[in-house]
Amino acid sequence: MASPAPTENLDAARAWAAAAAVPDPEVPCVTVADLGILRNVTIEDGVAVARVTPTYSGCPAVLAIELAIEAALLDAGFEARIERVMTPSWTTDWITPEGCEKLRAYGIAPPVKGSNSKMALFGETVINCPRCGSSETQKVSEFGSTACKAHYTCKACSEPFDYFKCI
């Protein structure tokens, strides 16, 4: 197998950078790369192919995300194709450390790592307030501003906040 030409590597890196900068439409403080839903971007026969895994199969923003990635690639001068990758399923463990920090700074408690455990889905986890850091928080509703977030209140600072649920 021949190694790719240096310009192909530069193009792939440039295409990745363009696609990776696309913000999530529901949580605009993080990008699709921060969330880990942008799996990869390759150059195939001159076309930038972005592979994307939705956060869950019923995510209402998946088409908007795919169209935004395609537009970013087109704006960067590439022919573009988006491929939806359903396996393996996305997990909140794919959110980068930078993405978790961006969520916290935005006022959303990032997911607790270990999404593949039963405790993540069915148990009670300690959720720290993203504003004051207190662990004295209470779940108000299983659903927050979107289906992937739960609504909490901090008992220490009395602030309401969303928690990005483990999946």
Protein backbone atom coordinates (compact mmCIF):
# COMPACT_ATOMS: atom_id res chain seq x y z
CA MET A 1 0.00 0.00 0.00
CA ALA A 2 1.43 3.36 -1.01
CA SER A 3 1.62 6.04 1.64
CA PRO A 4 -0.51 9.13 1.03
CA ALA A 5 1.03 12.10 -0.69
CA PRO A 6 2.02 14.95 1.66
CA THR A 7 -0.69 17.21 0.19
CA GLU A 8 -3.33 14.57 1.05
CA ASN A 9 -2.20 14.68 4.68
CA LEU A 10 -2.35 18.49 4.68
CA ASP A 11 -5.79 18.43 3.07
CA ALA A 12 -7.05 15.85 5.59
CA ALA A 13 -5.72 17.96 8.47
CA ARG A 14 -7.32 21.10 7.02
CA ALA A 15 -10.62 19.26 6.47
CA TRP A 16 -10.54 17.91 10.03
CA ALA A 17 -9.93 21.40 11.40
CA ALA A 18 -12.87 22.82 9.44
CA ALA A 19 -15.27 20.06 10.51
CA ALA A 20 -14.02 19.91 14.10
CA ALA A 21 -14.78 23.60 14.66
CA VAL A 22 -18.53 23.14 14.08
CA PRO A 23 -20.45 23.91 17.29
CA ASP A 24 -23.17 21.64 18.60
CA PRO A 25 -26.49 23.41 17.83
CA GLU A 26 -28.06 22.46 21.19
CA VAL A 27 -24.98 23.15 23.34
CA PRO A 28 -22.99 25.75 21.36
CA CYS A 29 -20.15 26.00 23.88
CA VAL A 30 -18.78 22.67 22.60
CA THR A 31 -17.84 21.53 19.12
CA VAL A 32 -18.62 18.25 17.43
CA ALA A 33 -14.98 17.30 18.08
CA ASP A 34 -15.28 18.19 21.79
CA LEU A 35 -18.29 15.87 22.00
CA GLY A 36 -16.47 13.10 20.18
CA ILE A 37 -19.25 12.70 17.62
CA LEU A 38 -16.93 13.65 14.74
CA ARG A 39 -15.23 10.28 14.29
CA ASN A 40 -12.81 11.16 11.49
CA VAL A 41 -12.37 13.08 8.28
CA THR A 42 -10.56 11.51 5.35
CA ILE A 43 -9.89 12.56 1.79
CA GLU A 44 -11.22 9.95 -0.64
CA ASP A 45 -10.89 10.59 -4.38
CA GLY A 46 -10.66 14.32 -3.68
CA VAL A 47 -13.75 14.38 -1.47
CA ALA A 48 -13.62 15.19 2.26
CA VAL A 49 -15.59 12.42 3.97
CA ALA A 50 -16.66 13.21 7.53
CA ARG A 51 -17.90 10.32 9.66
CA VAL A 52 -20.29 11.32 12.42
CA THR A 53 -21.92 9.31 15.21
CA PRO A 54 -25.08 10.85 16.70
CA THR A 55 -25.28 11.12 20.46
CA TYR A 56 -28.33 8.85 20.24
CA SER A 57 -30.41 7.54 17.36
CA GLY A 58 -33.33 9.89 18.04
CA CYS A 59 -31.25 13.05 18.45
CA PRO A 60 -33.26 15.86 16.81
CA ALA A 61 -30.09 17.80 16.00
CA VAL A 62 -28.31 15.09 13.99
CA LEU A 63 -29.35 16.40 10.57
CA ALA A 64 -28.50 19.99 11.54
CA ILE A 65 -25.07 18.81 12.73
CA GLU A 66 -24.41 16.89 9.54
CA LEU A 67 -25.45 19.83 7.36
CA ALA A 68 -23.28 22.23 9.41
CA ILE A 69 -20.25 19.94 9.01
CA GLU A 70 -20.91 19.66 5.28
CA ALA A 71 -21.20 23.47 5.01
CA ALA A 72 -17.94 23.94 6.95
CA LEU A 73 -16.14 21.57 4.59
CA LEU A 74 -17.61 23.29 1.53
CA ASP A 75 -16.61 26.70 2.94
CA ALA A 76 -13.07 25.38 3.40
CA GLY A 77 -12.97 24.53 -0.32
CA PHE A 78 -13.66 20.79 -0.23
CA GLU A 79 -16.20 18.64 -1.95
CA ALA A 80 -17.90 17.00 1.00
CA ARG A 81 -19.75 13.88 2.00
CA ILE A 82 -21.12 13.00 5.43
CA GLU A 83 -21.43 9.41 6.58
CA ARG A 84 -23.48 8.57 9.64
CA VAL A 85 -21.76 5.87 11.71
CA MET A 86 -24.04 4.07 14.15
CA THR A 87 -21.61 1.51 15.58
CA PRO A 88 -20.09 1.60 17.98
CA SER A 89 -22.70 3.74 19.69
CA TRP A 90 -21.58 7.10 21.02
CA THR A 91 -20.92 7.37 24.73
CA THR A 92 -20.38 10.40 26.94
CA ASP A 93 -16.95 8.93 27.67
CA TRP A 94 -16.00 10.26 24.20
CA ILE A 95 -16.38 13.87 25.36
CA THR A 96 -12.88 15.31 25.56
CA PRO A 97 -11.49 16.77 28.79
CA GLU A 98 -11.58 20.17 27.04
CA GLY A 99 -15.24 19.57 26.19
CA CYS A 100 -16.02 18.76 29.83
CA GLU A 101 -14.34 22.00 30.92
CA LYS A 102 -16.26 23.99 28.30
CA LEU A 103 -19.54 22.47 29.55
CA ARG A 104 -18.68 23.34 33.16
CA ALA A 105 -17.73 26.92 32.24
CA TYR A 106 -21.03 27.22 30.33
CA GLY A 107 -22.96 26.16 33.44
CA ILE A 108 -23.67 22.53 32.52
CA ALA A 109 -22.32 19.81 34.78
CA PRO A 110 -20.32 17.45 32.57
CA PRO A 111 -21.09 13.73 32.66
CA VAL A 112 -19.47 11.55 35.26
CA LYS A 113 -17.10 9.11 33.53
CA GLY A 114 -17.99 5.43 33.41
CA SER A 115 -21.05 5.50 31.20
CA ASN A 116 -20.85 1.77 30.62
CA SER A 117 -21.86 0.98 34.19
CA LYS A 118 -25.43 0.41 35.38
CA MET A 119 -24.88 3.11 38.01
CA ALA A 120 -24.49 5.70 35.27
CA LEU A 121 -27.98 5.03 33.92
CA PHE A 122 -29.96 3.81 36.92
CA GLY A 123 -28.04 4.77 40.04
CA GLU A 124 -27.66 8.03 41.84
CA THR A 125 -24.37 9.71 41.16
CA VAL A 126 -22.97 12.74 42.94
CA ILE A 127 -23.26 15.69 40.58
CA ASN A 128 -21.21 18.74 41.49
CA CYS A 129 -22.63 22.18 40.81
CA PRO A 130 -20.83 23.71 37.80
CA ARG A 131 -21.12 27.17 39.37
CA CYS A 132 -19.85 26.70 42.94
CA GLY A 133 -18.53 23.12 42.90
CA SER A 134 -20.73 21.91 45.75
CA SER A 135 -21.78 18.26 45.81
CA GLU A 136 -24.97 19.23 47.66
CA THR A 137 -27.21 19.06 44.62
CA GLN A 138 -30.65 17.64 43.94
CA LYS A 139 -32.20 16.26 40.77
CA VAL A 140 -35.34 18.21 39.89
CA SER A 141 -36.21 16.41 36.66
CA GLU A 142 -34.80 13.55 34.62
CA PHE A 143 -35.03 15.88 31.61
CA GLY A 144 -33.50 19.33 31.32
CA SER A 145 -33.40 21.72 28.38
CA THR A 146 -32.80 18.75 26.06
CA ALA A 147 -33.42 15.01 26.42
CA CYS A 148 -29.70 14.34 26.97
CA LYS A 149 -29.61 16.56 30.06
CA ALA A 150 -31.21 16.31 33.50
CA HIS A 151 -32.22 19.36 35.55
CA TYR A 152 -30.63 19.89 38.98
CA THR A 153 -30.56 22.53 41.69
CA CYS A 154 -27.63 23.33 43.95
CA LYS A 155 -28.52 23.41 47.64
CA ALA A 156 -25.42 25.49 48.44
CA CYS A 157 -25.80 28.37 45.95
CA SER A 158 -29.47 27.81 45.00
CA GLU A 159 -28.65 27.89 41.28
CA PRO A 160 -30.46 25.63 38.82
CA PHE A 161 -28.32 23.83 36.25
CA ASP A 162 -28.35 21.08 33.66
CA TYR A 163 -26.35 17.87 33.96
CA PHE A 164 -25.20 16.20 30.74
CA LYS A 165 -26.41 12.64 31.42
CA CYS A 166 -24.16 9.63 30.96
CA ILE A 167 -25.03 7.54 27.97
